Amino acid sequence: MASTTVTVGSSVGLHARPAALIAEAVGAAGVPVTIAVVGGDPVDAGSALMIMTLGAAQGAEVVITSDDQPTLDKIAELVASDLDA
């Protein structure tokens, strides 16, 4: 599986709205994606609730993993964006 480390860009961190947008994109891609804070256990990135349990604030580093490189790139871009702007 490919993975990449990304810095959370949303001003509120991976809270409700950003988590929902990320989970929606994972669901639309139809491939498994996990997300974890660096050094933490990975969770299903297709679940907004699981993403919120990470407690990842703005500036936190998270690791995104997927077998599908285009999906990995898209989710990494979303995580790095300020989705609350």
Protein backbone atom coordinates (compact mmCIF):
# COMPACT_ATOMS: atom_id res chain seq x y z
CA MET A 1 0.00 0.00 0.00
CA ALA A 2 1.16 3.49 -0.80
CA SER A 3 1.10 6.16 1.87
CA THR A 4 1.85 9.83 2.26
CA THR A 5 2.23 12.18 5.20
CA VAL A 6 0.21 15.39 5.03
CA THR A 7 -0.22 18.41 7.31
CA VAL A 8 -3.85 19.16 8.24
CA GLY A 9 -4.82 22.46 6.62
CA SER A 10 -8.33 23.07 7.97
CA SER A 11 -8.48 25.82 10.57
CA VAL A 12 -10.69 23.62 12.79
CA GLY A 13 -8.64 20.48 12.16
CA LEU A 14 -10.33 17.29 11.03
CA HIS A 15 -13.63 18.15 12.68
CA ALA A 16 -17.21 17.73 11.37
CA ARG A 17 -17.25 19.51 8.00
CA PRO A 18 -13.72 18.57 6.84
CA ALA A 19 -14.19 14.99 8.03
CA ALA A 20 -17.50 14.70 6.18
CA LEU A 21 -16.00 16.03 2.94
CA ILE A 22 -13.04 13.65 3.17
CA ALA A 23 -15.28 10.66 3.96
CA GLU A 24 -17.58 11.57 1.07
CA ALA A 25 -14.62 11.66 -1.35
CA VAL A 26 -13.39 8.27 -0.10
CA GLY A 27 -16.87 6.81 -0.54
CA ALA A 28 -17.11 8.18 -4.07
CA ALA A 29 -13.71 6.67 -4.93
CA GLY A 30 -14.87 3.24 -3.86
CA VAL A 31 -11.46 2.09 -2.64
CA PRO A 32 -10.19 1.55 0.91
CA VAL A 33 -8.33 4.49 2.44
CA THR A 34 -7.02 4.81 5.97
CA ILE A 35 -5.86 7.86 7.88
CA ALA A 36 -3.84 8.07 11.09
CA VAL A 37 -2.04 10.68 13.13
CA VAL A 38 1.69 10.04 12.93
CA GLY A 39 2.46 7.20 15.32
CA GLY A 40 -1.23 6.38 15.85
CA ASP A 41 -3.55 3.63 14.74
CA PRO A 42 -5.15 4.02 11.30
CA VAL A 43 -8.91 4.48 10.93
CA ASP A 44 -11.27 4.14 7.96
CA ALA A 45 -11.15 7.43 6.06
CA GLY A 46 -14.57 6.62 4.61
CA SER A 47 -16.13 7.33 8.02
CA ALA A 48 -16.43 10.95 9.15
CA LEU A 49 -16.92 9.78 12.73
CA MET A 50 -13.71 7.73 12.67
CA ILE A 51 -11.79 10.66 11.17
CA MET A 52 -13.02 12.93 13.97
CA THR A 53 -11.80 10.44 16.61
CA LEU A 54 -8.24 11.19 15.52
CA GLY A 55 -8.42 14.62 17.15
CA ALA A 56 -6.13 16.00 14.43
CA ALA A 57 -5.85 19.78 14.80
CA GLN A 58 -4.65 22.24 12.20
CA GLY A 59 -0.93 21.64 11.61
CA ALA A 60 -1.02 18.01 12.78
CA GLU A 61 0.67 15.47 10.55
CA VAL A 62 -1.43 12.53 9.37
CA VAL A 63 -0.57 9.48 7.29
CA ILE A 64 -2.96 8.55 4.49
CA THR A 65 -2.76 5.07 2.98
CA SER A 66 -4.41 3.50 -0.07
CA ASP A 67 -3.66 1.06 -2.87
CA ASP A 68 -5.05 3.56 -5.40
CA GLN A 69 -2.58 6.39 -6.08
CA PRO A 70 -5.06 8.85 -7.66
CA THR A 71 -7.38 8.44 -4.66
CA LEU A 72 -4.47 8.80 -2.27
CA ASP A 73 -3.45 12.04 -4.00
CA LYS A 74 -7.01 13.42 -3.92
CA ILE A 75 -7.52 12.67 -0.22
CA ALA A 76 -4.09 14.10 0.63
CA GLU A 77 -5.04 17.29 -1.22
CA LEU A 78 -8.31 17.54 0.72
CA VAL A 79 -6.58 17.02 4.08
CA ALA A 80 -4.02 19.71 3.26
CA SER A 81 -6.75 22.20 2.23
CA ASP A 82 -8.65 24.54 4.53
CA LEU A 83 -12.03 22.89 4.06
CA ASP A 84 -13.70 25.37 6.41
CA ALA A 85 -12.64 28.43 4.41
